[in-house]
Amino acid sequence: MHGLRHITRKILNYSLDKNASLTCLAVRRMSSETYDFETLKVSSPREDVAHVELNRPDRLNAMNIAFWRECRECFQRLATDKNYRVIIVSGAGRLFTAGLDLMDMGDVVPTGKDVARNAFKMRPKIEEYQESFTSIEKCPKPVIAAVHGGCVGGGVDLTSACDIRYCTQDAWFQIKEIDVGLTADVGTLQRLPKIVGNDSLARELCYTARKFHSDEAKEIGFVSRIFPDKASMINAAIELASLIASKSPVAVQGTKVSMVYSRDHSVPEGLSHIALWNQAMLQSEDVMKSAEAMMQKKEPKFSKL
């Protein structure tokens, strides 16, 4: 009883001191960041929600040199932009993406005579491309992929790095790299098997480059929902993003960080990690706000990080 009275007093004292923060929360502004890219279009369809659109519809959103740089920069900036809590990724035009733009790869492959020296030059370029999609995974804010039409090659790499994947009924996916003489090297081989939980099927898809459509994608757990058309899918993604954004950003981002860490570590390591994390985060004002709102049967409002 003494502990309950102590918590209740803290909640009451907190509520008396929060008027100033509530006033600030009442005035929401668009991000002061400028997201001006050649291959991406960034908008805000709802409060606290960013929408990143692959924006080369005339080239089927193929991933050129500019895209790899801009994707990395965009998500690194969104990661620290206090005005956004959730991010949606979709594609403009007829399909999500045709994958790697083989017509615009510039001098990615070195032309020197010595294989070893070429290899030393090549590795940092590969790692830069990997970081383009790893930046999505590193971003502490949940990222929702909304896929329509084709999602080829690099599109599977990109969506594999996202937290949640929706698609339309006509969507199809293809790990295409092997058909152009490449081993996929920016995330699919590392993330897809863990997402679908079926090593045999993951290898089949990667070795054959066969298409798998929306129904199979849902059956194997690569996507969580299928929609009849792009408009309904985007609307659902926005609603989902808004719901997530209404939760404590401290709790949501901590949950993503912990889930990504735990995926790649043992259970004891994951437990140790979240204990270290929560020894600080359990002291957040969001805990008091959530408890107060629950007692008053109201929706809590959380300040920006």
C-alpha atoms as a PDB file:
ATOM      1  CA  MET A   1       0.000   0.000   0.000  1.00  0.00           C
ATOM      2  CA  HIS A   2       2.834   2.383   0.842  1.00  0.00           C
ATOM      3  CA  GLY A   3       4.347   1.789  -2.626  1.00  0.00           C
ATOM      4  CA  LEU A   4       0.980   2.456  -4.304  1.00  0.00           C
ATOM      5  CA  ARG A   5       0.525   5.717  -2.363  1.00  0.00           C
ATOM      6  CA  HIS A   6       4.056   6.768  -3.343  1.00  0.00           C
ATOM      7  CA  ILE A   7       3.366   6.173  -7.053  1.00  0.00           C
ATOM      8  CA  THR A   8       0.018   7.981  -6.820  1.00  0.00           C
ATOM      9  CA  ARG A   9       1.670  11.035  -5.224  1.00  0.00           C
ATOM     10  CA  LYS A  10       4.297  11.078  -7.967  1.00  0.00           C
ATOM     11  CA  ILE A  11       1.579  10.991 -10.630  1.00  0.00           C
ATOM     12  CA  LEU A  12      -0.373  13.818  -8.975  1.00  0.00           C
ATOM     13  CA  ASN A  13       2.754  15.944  -8.550  1.00  0.00           C
ATOM     14  CA  TYR A  14       3.743  15.255 -12.122  1.00  0.00           C
ATOM     15  CA  SER A  15       0.340  16.309 -13.450  1.00  0.00           C
ATOM     16  CA  LEU A  16       0.632  19.680 -11.696  1.00  0.00           C
ATOM     17  CA  ASP A  17       3.958  20.409 -13.394  1.00  0.00           C
ATOM     18  CA  LYS A  18       3.153  19.357 -16.934  1.00  0.00           C
ATOM     19  CA  ASN A  19       1.047  22.283 -18.204  1.00  0.00           C
ATOM     20  CA  ALA A  20       3.945  23.896 -20.010  1.00  0.00           C
ATOM     21  CA  SER A  21       4.817  20.704 -21.870  1.00  0.00           C
ATOM     22  CA  LEU A  22       1.188  20.152 -22.845  1.00  0.00           C
ATOM     23  CA  THR A  23       1.090  23.652 -24.297  1.00  0.00           C
ATOM     24  CA  CYS A  24       4.131  22.823 -26.400  1.00  0.00           C
ATOM     25  CA  LEU A  25       2.536  19.567 -27.508  1.00  0.00           C
ATOM     26  CA  ALA A  26      -0.545  21.413 -28.681  1.00  0.00           C
ATOM     27  CA  VAL A  27       1.512  23.190 -31.322  1.00  0.00           C
ATOM     28  CA  ARG A  28       2.926  20.666 -33.796  1.00  0.00           C
ATOM     29  CA  ARG A  29       5.212  21.895 -36.523  1.00  0.00           C
ATOM     30  CA  MET A  30       6.439  20.313 -39.690  1.00  0.00           C
ATOM     31  CA  SER A  31      10.079  19.300 -39.618  1.00  0.00           C
ATOM     32  CA  SER A  32      12.539  22.131 -40.113  1.00  0.00           C
ATOM     33  CA  GLU A  33      14.768  19.625 -41.915  1.00  0.00           C
ATOM     34  CA  THR A  34      14.949  19.931 -45.675  1.00  0.00           C
ATOM     35  CA  TYR A  35      14.586  16.581 -47.405  1.00  0.00           C
ATOM     36  CA  ASP A  36      15.412  17.502 -50.978  1.00  0.00           C
ATOM     37  CA  PHE A  37      16.529  14.460 -52.947  1.00  0.00           C
ATOM     38  CA  GLU A  38      16.810  13.460 -56.581  1.00  0.00           C
ATOM     39  CA  THR A  39      15.563   9.877 -56.158  1.00  0.00           C
ATOM     40  CA  LEU A  40      13.394  10.126 -53.030  1.00  0.00           C
ATOM     41  CA  LYS A  41      10.338  12.174 -52.118  1.00  0.00           C
ATOM     42  CA  VAL A  42       9.755  12.793 -48.410  1.00  0.00           C
ATOM     43  CA  SER A  43       6.409  14.011 -47.087  1.00  0.00           C
ATOM     44  CA  SER A  44       4.373  13.917 -43.873  1.00  0.00           C
ATOM     45  CA  PRO A  45       0.871  12.477 -44.409  1.00  0.00           C
ATOM     46  CA  ARG A  46       0.070  12.529 -40.704  1.00  0.00           C
ATOM     47  CA  GLU A  47       1.444  14.034 -37.512  1.00  0.00           C
ATOM     48  CA  ASP A  48       4.695  12.347 -36.447  1.00  0.00           C
ATOM     49  CA  VAL A  49       4.741  10.209 -39.620  1.00  0.00           C
ATOM     50  CA  ALA A  50       7.239  10.512 -42.482  1.00  0.00           C
ATOM     51  CA  HIS A  51       6.588   9.007 -45.914  1.00  0.00           C
ATOM     52  CA  VAL A  52       9.651   8.203 -48.031  1.00  0.00           C
ATOM     53  CA  GLU A  53       8.744   7.457 -51.643  1.00  0.00           C
ATOM     54  CA  LEU A  54      11.137   5.930 -54.169  1.00  0.00           C
ATOM     55  CA  ASN A  55      10.723   8.549 -56.853  1.00  0.00           C
ATOM     56  CA  ARG A  56      12.102   7.485 -60.242  1.00  0.00           C
ATOM     57  CA  PRO A  57       8.860   6.222 -61.780  1.00  0.00           C
ATOM     58  CA  ASP A  58      10.135   6.725 -65.340  1.00  0.00           C
ATOM     59  CA  ARG A  59      12.935   4.257 -64.533  1.00  0.00           C
ATOM     60  CA  LEU A  60      10.704   1.927 -62.475  1.00  0.00           C
ATOM     61  CA  ASN A  61      12.427   3.261 -59.355  1.00  0.00           C
ATOM     62  CA  ALA A  62      15.647   1.506 -60.342  1.00  0.00           C
ATOM     63  CA  MET A  63      18.434   2.130 -57.842  1.00  0.00           C
ATOM     64  CA  ASN A  64      21.117   4.329 -59.402  1.00  0.00           C
ATOM     65  CA  ILE A  65      24.262   5.738 -57.788  1.00  0.00           C
ATOM     66  CA  ALA A  66      22.404   8.771 -56.432  1.00  0.00           C
ATOM     67  CA  PHE A  67      19.792   6.545 -54.781  1.00  0.00           C
ATOM     68  CA  TRP A  68      22.316   4.606 -52.702  1.00  0.00           C
ATOM     69  CA  ARG A  69      23.791   7.806 -51.316  1.00  0.00           C
ATOM     70  CA  GLU A  70      20.429   9.493 -50.756  1.00  0.00           C
ATOM     71  CA  CYS A  71      18.811   6.496 -49.055  1.00  0.00           C
ATOM     72  CA  ARG A  72      21.639   6.370 -46.548  1.00  0.00           C
ATOM     73  CA  GLU A  73      21.524  10.117 -45.924  1.00  0.00           C
ATOM     74  CA  CYS A  74      17.723  10.214 -45.696  1.00  0.00           C
ATOM     75  CA  PHE A  75      17.404   7.537 -43.011  1.00  0.00           C
ATOM     76  CA  GLN A  76      20.368   8.802 -41.032  1.00  0.00           C
ATOM     77  CA  ARG A  77      18.661  12.193 -40.851  1.00  0.00           C
ATOM     78  CA  LEU A  78      15.220  10.765 -40.099  1.00  0.00           C
ATOM     79  CA  ALA A  79      16.749   8.772 -37.248  1.00  0.00           C
ATOM     80  CA  THR A  80      17.406  11.991 -35.314  1.00  0.00           C
ATOM     81  CA  ASP A  81      14.565  14.173 -36.620  1.00  0.00           C
ATOM     82  CA  LYS A  82      12.400  14.815 -33.549  1.00  0.00           C
ATOM     83  CA  ASN A  83       9.344  15.560 -35.670  1.00  0.00           C
ATOM     84  CA  TYR A  84       8.921  11.967 -36.852  1.00  0.00           C
ATOM     85  CA  ARG A  85       8.320   8.781 -34.885  1.00  0.00           C
ATOM     86  CA  VAL A  86       7.405   6.315 -37.640  1.00  0.00           C
ATOM     87  CA  ILE A  87       8.427   6.062 -41.315  1.00  0.00           C
ATOM     88  CA  ILE A  88       6.611   4.589 -44.322  1.00  0.00           C
ATOM     89  CA  VAL A  89       8.473   3.533 -47.487  1.00  0.00           C
ATOM     90  CA  SER A  90       6.690   3.084 -50.813  1.00  0.00           C
ATOM     91  CA  GLY A  91       7.366   3.431 -54.531  1.00  0.00           C
ATOM     92  CA  ALA A  92       5.978   5.885 -57.090  1.00  0.00           C
ATOM     93  CA  GLY A  93       4.599   4.730 -60.421  1.00  0.00           C
ATOM     94  CA  ARG A  94       3.835   1.216 -61.657  1.00  0.00           C
ATOM     95  CA  LEU A  95       5.855  -0.786 -59.161  1.00  0.00           C
ATOM     96  CA  PHE A  96       7.894  -0.563 -55.973  1.00  0.00           C
ATOM     97  CA  THR A  97      11.294  -0.972 -57.619  1.00  0.00           C
ATOM     98  CA  ALA A  98      12.979  -2.823 -60.466  1.00  0.00           C
ATOM     99  CA  GLY A  99      16.110  -3.133 -58.338  1.00  0.00           C
ATOM    100  CA  LEU A 100      19.646  -2.216 -59.336  1.00  0.00           C
ATOM    101  CA  ASP A 101      19.967   0.240 -62.232  1.00  0.00           C
ATOM    102  CA  LEU A 102      22.608  -1.552 -64.320  1.00  0.00           C
ATOM    103  CA  MET A 103      22.712   1.363 -66.770  1.00  0.00           C
ATOM    104  CA  ASP A 104      23.897   3.815 -64.108  1.00  0.00           C
ATOM    105  CA  MET A 105      26.604   2.160 -62.076  1.00  0.00           C
ATOM    106  CA  GLY A 106      29.432   4.459 -63.188  1.00  0.00           C
ATOM    107  CA  ASP A 107      32.854   3.354 -61.991  1.00  0.00           C
ATOM    108  CA  VAL A 108      31.646   1.066 -59.217  1.00  0.00           C
ATOM    109  CA  VAL A 109      33.736  -1.811 -60.585  1.00  0.00           C
ATOM    110  CA  PRO A 110      37.441  -0.828 -60.717  1.00  0.00           C
ATOM    111  CA  THR A 111      39.310  -1.398 -63.977  1.00  0.00           C
ATOM    112  CA  GLY A 112      42.882  -1.819 -62.728  1.00  0.00           C
ATOM    113  CA  LYS A 113      44.982  -4.814 -63.743  1.00  0.00           C
ATOM    114  CA  ASP A 114      45.781  -6.097 -60.239  1.00  0.00           C
ATOM    115  CA  VAL A 115      42.981  -8.139 -58.686  1.00  0.00           C
ATOM    116  CA  ALA A 116      44.121  -7.543 -55.102  1.00  0.00           C
ATOM    117  CA  ARG A 117      44.232  -3.782 -55.525  1.00  0.00           C
ATOM    118  CA  ASN A 118      40.873  -3.814 -57.259  1.00  0.00           C
ATOM    119  CA  ALA A 119      39.491  -5.771 -54.312  1.00  0.00           C
ATOM    120  CA  PHE A 120      40.757  -3.215 -51.801  1.00  0.00           C
ATOM    121  CA  LYS A 121      39.009  -0.494 -53.791  1.00  0.00           C
ATOM    122  CA  MET A 122      35.827  -2.520 -54.169  1.00  0.00           C
ATOM    123  CA  ARG A 123      35.209  -3.414 -50.523  1.00  0.00           C
ATOM    124  CA  PRO A 124      34.485   0.111 -49.189  1.00  0.00           C
ATOM    125  CA  LYS A 125      32.046   0.656 -52.064  1.00  0.00           C
ATOM    126  CA  ILE A 126      30.168  -2.533 -51.204  1.00  0.00           C
ATOM    127  CA  GLU A 127      30.097  -1.487 -47.553  1.00  0.00           C
ATOM    128  CA  GLU A 128      28.697   1.928 -48.500  1.00  0.00           C
ATOM    129  CA  TYR A 129      25.875   0.226 -50.400  1.00  0.00           C
ATOM    130  CA  GLN A 130      25.233  -2.103 -47.457  1.00  0.00           C
ATOM    131  CA  GLU A 131      24.978   0.902 -45.151  1.00  0.00           C
ATOM    132  CA  SER A 132      22.242   2.367 -47.375  1.00  0.00           C
ATOM    133  CA  PHE A 133      19.839  -0.313 -46.136  1.00  0.00           C
ATOM    134  CA  THR A 134      21.466  -0.976 -42.771  1.00  0.00           C
ATOM    135  CA  SER A 135      20.664   2.675 -42.012  1.00  0.00           C
ATOM    136  CA  ILE A 136      16.988   1.639 -42.142  1.00  0.00           C
ATOM    137  CA  GLU A 137      17.621  -1.090 -39.592  1.00  0.00           C
ATOM    138  CA  LYS A 138      19.777   1.197 -37.442  1.00  0.00           C
ATOM    139  CA  CYS A 139      17.113   3.916 -37.475  1.00  0.00           C
ATOM    140  CA  PRO A 140      15.463   3.535 -34.046  1.00  0.00           C
ATOM    141  CA  LYS A 141      12.073   4.481 -35.487  1.00  0.00           C
ATOM    142  CA  PRO A 142       9.847   1.738 -36.928  1.00  0.00           C
ATOM    143  CA  VAL A 143       9.871   1.603 -40.732  1.00  0.00           C
ATOM    144  CA  ILE A 144       6.857   0.232 -42.618  1.00  0.00           C
ATOM    145  CA  ALA A 145       7.366  -0.957 -46.206  1.00  0.00           C
ATOM    146  CA  ALA A 146       4.316  -0.631 -48.477  1.00  0.00           C
ATOM    147  CA  VAL A 147       4.961  -2.649 -51.643  1.00  0.00           C
ATOM    148  CA  HIS A 148       2.920  -2.661 -54.845  1.00  0.00           C
ATOM    149  CA  GLY A 149       3.708  -4.333 -58.159  1.00  0.00           C
ATOM    150  CA  GLY A 150       7.219  -5.693 -58.508  1.00  0.00           C
ATOM    151  CA  CYS A 151       9.843  -5.652 -55.775  1.00  0.00           C
ATOM    152  CA  VAL A 152      12.999  -6.900 -57.438  1.00  0.00           C
ATOM    153  CA  GLY A 153      16.594  -7.438 -56.331  1.00  0.00           C
ATOM    154  CA  GLY A 154      17.567  -4.477 -54.187  1.00  0.00           C
ATOM    155  CA  GLY A 155      13.899  -4.006 -53.330  1.00  0.00           C
ATOM    156  CA  VAL A 156      13.984  -7.252 -51.351  1.00  0.00           C
ATOM    157  CA  ASP A 157      17.195  -6.085 -49.661  1.00  0.00           C
ATOM    158  CA  LEU A 158      15.499  -2.792 -48.740  1.00  0.00           C
ATOM    159  CA  THR A 159      12.248  -4.273 -47.468  1.00  0.00           C
ATOM    160  CA  SER A 160      14.098  -6.962 -45.517  1.00  0.00           C
ATOM    161  CA  ALA A 161      15.674  -4.146 -43.488  1.00  0.00           C
ATOM    162  CA  CYS A 162      12.237  -2.691 -42.628  1.00  0.00           C
ATOM    163  CA  ASP A 163      10.275  -3.561 -39.492  1.00  0.00           C
ATOM    164  CA  ILE A 164       6.873  -4.267 -41.040  1.00  0.00           C
ATOM    165  CA  ARG A 165       5.936  -5.146 -44.613  1.00  0.00           C
ATOM    166  CA  TYR A 166       2.546  -4.637 -46.284  1.00  0.00           C
ATOM    167  CA  CYS A 167       1.827  -5.363 -49.949  1.00  0.00           C
ATOM    168  CA  THR A 168      -0.905  -5.258 -52.558  1.00  0.00           C
ATOM    169  CA  GLN A 169      -2.562  -8.317 -54.061  1.00  0.00           C
ATOM    170  CA  ASP A 170      -0.649  -7.824 -57.317  1.00  0.00           C
ATOM    171  CA  ALA A 171       2.751  -7.529 -55.606  1.00  0.00           C
ATOM    172  CA  TRP A 172       5.523  -9.944 -56.418  1.00  0.00           C
ATOM    173  CA  PHE A 173       9.070 -10.323 -55.149  1.00  0.00           C
ATOM    174  CA  GLN A 174      12.232 -11.615 -56.777  1.00  0.00           C
ATOM    175  CA  ILE A 175      15.768 -12.064 -55.463  1.00  0.00           C
ATOM    176  CA  LYS A 176      17.128 -11.339 -58.903  1.00  0.00           C
ATOM    177  CA  GLU A 177      20.883 -10.956 -58.349  1.00  0.00           C
ATOM    178  CA  ILE A 178      21.831 -14.514 -59.289  1.00  0.00           C
ATOM    179  CA  ASP A 179      20.271 -14.021 -62.733  1.00  0.00           C
ATOM    180  CA  VAL A 180      22.715 -11.204 -63.484  1.00  0.00           C
ATOM    181  CA  GLY A 181      25.753 -13.107 -62.231  1.00  0.00           C
ATOM    182  CA  LEU A 182      25.851 -11.532 -58.774  1.00  0.00           C
ATOM    183  CA  THR A 183      25.667 -12.755 -55.218  1.00  0.00           C
ATOM    184  CA  ALA A 184      23.267 -10.493 -53.330  1.00  0.00           C
ATOM    185  CA  ASP A 185      25.451  -8.468 -50.975  1.00  0.00           C
ATOM    186  CA  VAL A 186      23.394  -5.721 -49.329  1.00  0.00           C
ATOM    187  CA  GLY A 187      21.202  -7.642 -46.892  1.00  0.00           C
ATOM    188  CA  THR A 188      18.809 -10.202 -48.356  1.00  0.00           C
ATOM    189  CA  LEU A 189      21.006 -13.246 -47.715  1.00  0.00           C
ATOM    190  CA  GLN A 190      21.548 -12.151 -44.122  1.00  0.00           C
ATOM    191  CA  ARG A 191      18.028 -10.974 -43.195  1.00  0.00           C
ATOM    192  CA  LEU A 192      15.539 -12.971 -45.285  1.00  0.00           C
ATOM    193  CA  PRO A 193      16.262 -16.400 -43.701  1.00  0.00           C
ATOM    194  CA  LYS A 194      15.688 -14.931 -40.231  1.00  0.00           C
ATOM    195  CA  ILE A 195      12.460 -13.248 -41.334  1.00  0.00           C
ATOM    196  CA  VAL A 196      10.850 -16.302 -42.951  1.00  0.00           C
ATOM    197  CA  GLY A 197      12.327 -18.846 -40.552  1.00  0.00           C
ATOM    198  CA  ASN A 198      12.665 -21.455 -43.311  1.00  0.00           C
ATOM    199  CA  ASP A 199      16.263 -21.927 -44.409  1.00  0.00           C
ATOM    200  CA  SER A 200      15.360 -24.373 -47.183  1.00  0.00           C
ATOM    201  CA  LEU A 201      12.854 -21.999 -48.772  1.00  0.00           C
ATOM    202  CA  ALA A 202      15.148 -18.996 -48.378  1.00  0.00           C
ATOM    203  CA  ARG A 203      17.888 -20.874 -50.234  1.00  0.00           C
ATOM    204  CA  GLU A 204      15.430 -21.942 -52.941  1.00  0.00           C
ATOM    205  CA  LEU A 205      14.383 -18.346 -53.554  1.00  0.00           C
ATOM    206  CA  CYS A 206      17.968 -17.083 -53.553  1.00  0.00           C
ATOM    207  CA  TYR A 207      19.413 -19.882 -55.749  1.00  0.00           C
ATOM    208  CA  THR A 208      16.662 -19.821 -58.393  1.00  0.00           C
ATOM    209  CA  ALA A 209      15.615 -16.141 -58.558  1.00  0.00           C
ATOM    210  CA  ARG A 210      12.037 -17.318 -59.016  1.00  0.00           C
ATOM    211  CA  LYS A 211       9.236 -14.881 -58.318  1.00  0.00           C
ATOM    212  CA  PHE A 212       7.104 -15.276 -55.223  1.00  0.00           C
ATOM    213  CA  HIS A 213       3.778 -13.456 -55.162  1.00  0.00           C
ATOM    214  CA  SER A 214       1.805 -11.755 -52.421  1.00  0.00           C
ATOM    215  CA  ASP A 215      -0.009 -14.858 -51.187  1.00  0.00           C
ATOM    216  CA  GLU A 216       3.231 -16.820 -50.819  1.00  0.00           C
ATOM    217  CA  ALA A 217       4.958 -13.787 -49.285  1.00  0.00           C
ATOM    218  CA  LYS A 218       2.290 -13.723 -46.570  1.00  0.00           C
ATOM    219  CA  GLU A 219       2.301 -17.493 -46.151  1.00  0.00           C
ATOM    220  CA  ILE A 220       6.039 -17.532 -45.428  1.00  0.00           C
ATOM    221  CA  GLY A 221       5.838 -14.511 -43.135  1.00  0.00           C
ATOM    222  CA  PHE A 222       7.659 -11.987 -45.314  1.00  0.00           C
ATOM    223  CA  VAL A 223       4.630  -9.642 -45.324  1.00  0.00           C
ATOM    224  CA  SER A 224       1.982  -9.354 -42.647  1.00  0.00           C
ATOM    225  CA  ARG A 225      -0.986  -8.022 -44.648  1.00  0.00           C
ATOM    226  CA  ILE A 226      -2.221  -7.948 -48.251  1.00  0.00           C
ATOM    227  CA  PHE A 227      -4.470  -5.224 -49.701  1.00  0.00           C
ATOM    228  CA  PRO A 228      -6.546  -5.078 -52.890  1.00  0.00           C
ATOM    229  CA  ASP A 229      -4.842  -1.936 -54.222  1.00  0.00           C
ATOM    230  CA  LYS A 230      -2.146   0.621 -53.507  1.00  0.00           C
ATOM    231  CA  ALA A 231      -4.485   3.290 -52.132  1.00  0.00           C
ATOM    232  CA  SER A 232      -5.955   1.016 -49.456  1.00  0.00           C
ATOM    233  CA  MET A 233      -2.482  -0.242 -48.571  1.00  0.00           C
ATOM    234  CA  ILE A 234      -1.051   3.267 -48.130  1.00  0.00           C
ATOM    235  CA  ASN A 235      -4.053   4.291 -46.034  1.00  0.00           C
ATOM    236  CA  ALA A 236      -3.595   1.239 -43.823  1.00  0.00           C
ATOM    237  CA  ALA A 237       0.130   1.942 -43.502  1.00  0.00           C
ATOM    238  CA  ILE A 238      -0.616   5.518 -42.429  1.00  0.00           C
ATOM    239  CA  GLU A 239      -3.165   4.318 -39.859  1.00  0.00           C
ATOM    240  CA  LEU A 240      -0.674   1.812 -38.499  1.00  0.00           C
ATOM    241  CA  ALA A 241       2.060   4.449 -38.388  1.00  0.00           C
ATOM    242  CA  SER A 242      -0.252   6.845 -36.533  1.00  0.00           C
ATOM    243  CA  LEU A 243      -1.123   4.174 -33.985  1.00  0.00           C
ATOM    244  CA  ILE A 244       2.545   3.406 -33.333  1.00  0.00           C
ATOM    245  CA  ALA A 245       3.346   7.138 -33.216  1.00  0.00           C
ATOM    246  CA  SER A 246       0.734   7.605 -30.475  1.00  0.00           C
ATOM    247  CA  LYS A 247       2.722   5.351 -28.159  1.00  0.00           C
ATOM    248  CA  SER A 248       5.674   6.398 -26.014  1.00  0.00           C
ATOM    249  CA  PRO A 249       8.598   7.068 -28.380  1.00  0.00           C
ATOM    250  CA  VAL A 250      10.951   5.975 -25.601  1.00  0.00           C
ATOM    251  CA  ALA A 251       9.182   2.611 -25.385  1.00  0.00           C
ATOM    252  CA  VAL A 252       8.757   2.128 -29.145  1.00  0.00           C
ATOM    253  CA  GLN A 253      12.333   2.940 -30.053  1.00  0.00           C
ATOM    254  CA  GLY A 254      13.666   0.882 -27.165  1.00  0.00           C
ATOM    255  CA  THR A 255      11.558  -2.035 -28.385  1.00  0.00           C
ATOM    256  CA  LYS A 256      13.027  -1.806 -31.908  1.00  0.00           C
ATOM    257  CA  VAL A 257      16.590  -1.548 -30.636  1.00  0.00           C
ATOM    258  CA  SER A 258      16.074  -4.560 -28.369  1.00  0.00           C
ATOM    259  CA  MET A 259      14.395  -6.700 -31.048  1.00  0.00           C
ATOM    260  CA  VAL A 260      17.147  -6.033 -33.596  1.00  0.00           C
ATOM    261  CA  TYR A 261      19.832  -6.787 -30.996  1.00  0.00           C
ATOM    262  CA  SER A 262      18.100  -9.935 -29.753  1.00  0.00           C
ATOM    263  CA  ARG A 263      17.683 -11.285 -33.291  1.00  0.00           C
ATOM    264  CA  ASP A 264      21.464 -11.456 -33.637  1.00  0.00           C
ATOM    265  CA  HIS A 265      22.341 -12.574 -30.080  1.00  0.00           C
ATOM    266  CA  SER A 266      21.491 -15.321 -27.602  1.00  0.00           C
ATOM    267  CA  VAL A 267      18.581 -15.043 -25.169  1.00  0.00           C
ATOM    268  CA  PRO A 268      20.880 -14.362 -22.166  1.00  0.00           C
ATOM    269  CA  GLU A 269      22.696 -11.661 -24.159  1.00  0.00           C
ATOM    270  CA  GLY A 270      19.377 -10.112 -25.183  1.00  0.00           C
ATOM    271  CA  LEU A 271      18.159 -10.079 -21.588  1.00  0.00           C
ATOM    272  CA  SER A 272      21.381  -8.478 -20.411  1.00  0.00           C
ATOM    273  CA  HIS A 273      21.092  -5.848 -23.146  1.00  0.00           C
ATOM    274  CA  ILE A 274      17.518  -4.856 -22.276  1.00  0.00           C
ATOM    275  CA  ALA A 275      18.360  -4.766 -18.545  1.00  0.00           C
ATOM    276  CA  LEU A 276      21.151  -2.311 -19.279  1.00  0.00           C
ATOM    277  CA  TRP A 277      18.851  -0.304 -21.553  1.00  0.00           C
ATOM    278  CA  ASN A 278      15.927  -0.164 -19.144  1.00  0.00           C
ATOM    279  CA  GLN A 279      17.970   0.775 -16.096  1.00  0.00           C
ATOM    280  CA  ALA A 280      17.819   4.244 -17.605  1.00  0.00           C
ATOM    281  CA  MET A 281      14.635   4.165 -19.682  1.00  0.00           C
ATOM    282  CA  LEU A 282      12.353   3.023 -16.860  1.00  0.00           C
ATOM    283  CA  GLN A 283      13.008   6.422 -15.296  1.00  0.00           C
ATOM    284  CA  SER A 284      11.400   8.169 -18.289  1.00  0.00           C
ATOM    285  CA  GLU A 285       8.571  10.652 -17.797  1.00  0.00           C
ATOM    286  CA  ASP A 286       6.631   8.504 -20.284  1.00  0.00           C
ATOM    287  CA  VAL A 287       6.068   5.873 -17.591  1.00  0.00           C
ATOM    288  CA  MET A 288       4.314   8.423 -15.367  1.00  0.00           C
ATOM    289  CA  LYS A 289       2.356   9.816 -18.310  1.00  0.00           C
ATOM    290  CA  SER A 290       1.174   6.341 -19.285  1.00  0.00           C
ATOM    291  CA  ALA A 291       0.149   5.464 -15.735  1.00  0.00           C
ATOM    292  CA  GLU A 292      -1.690   8.756 -15.287  1.00  0.00           C
ATOM    293  CA  ALA A 293      -3.543   8.395 -18.596  1.00  0.00           C
ATOM    294  CA  MET A 294      -4.528   4.823 -17.738  1.00  0.00           C
ATOM    295  CA  MET A 295      -5.914   5.884 -14.367  1.00  0.00           C
ATOM    296  CA  GLN A 296      -7.864   8.742 -15.960  1.00  0.00           C
ATOM    297  CA  LYS A 297      -8.931   6.595 -18.951  1.00  0.00           C
ATOM    298  CA  LYS A 298      -7.427   9.113 -21.373  1.00  0.00           C
ATOM    299  CA  GLU A 299      -5.006   8.870 -24.261  1.00  0.00           C
ATOM    300  CA  PRO A 300      -1.491   9.843 -23.153  1.00  0.00           C
ATOM    301  CA  LYS A 301       0.451  12.556 -24.985  1.00  0.00           C
ATOM    302  CA  PHE A 302       4.196  12.188 -25.187  1.00  0.00           C
ATOM    303  CA  SER A 303       6.778  14.871 -25.815  1.00  0.00           C
ATOM    304  CA  LYS A 304       9.358  14.690 -28.589  1.00  0.00           C
ATOM    305  CA  LEU A 305      12.650  12.990 -27.896  1.00  0.00           C
END
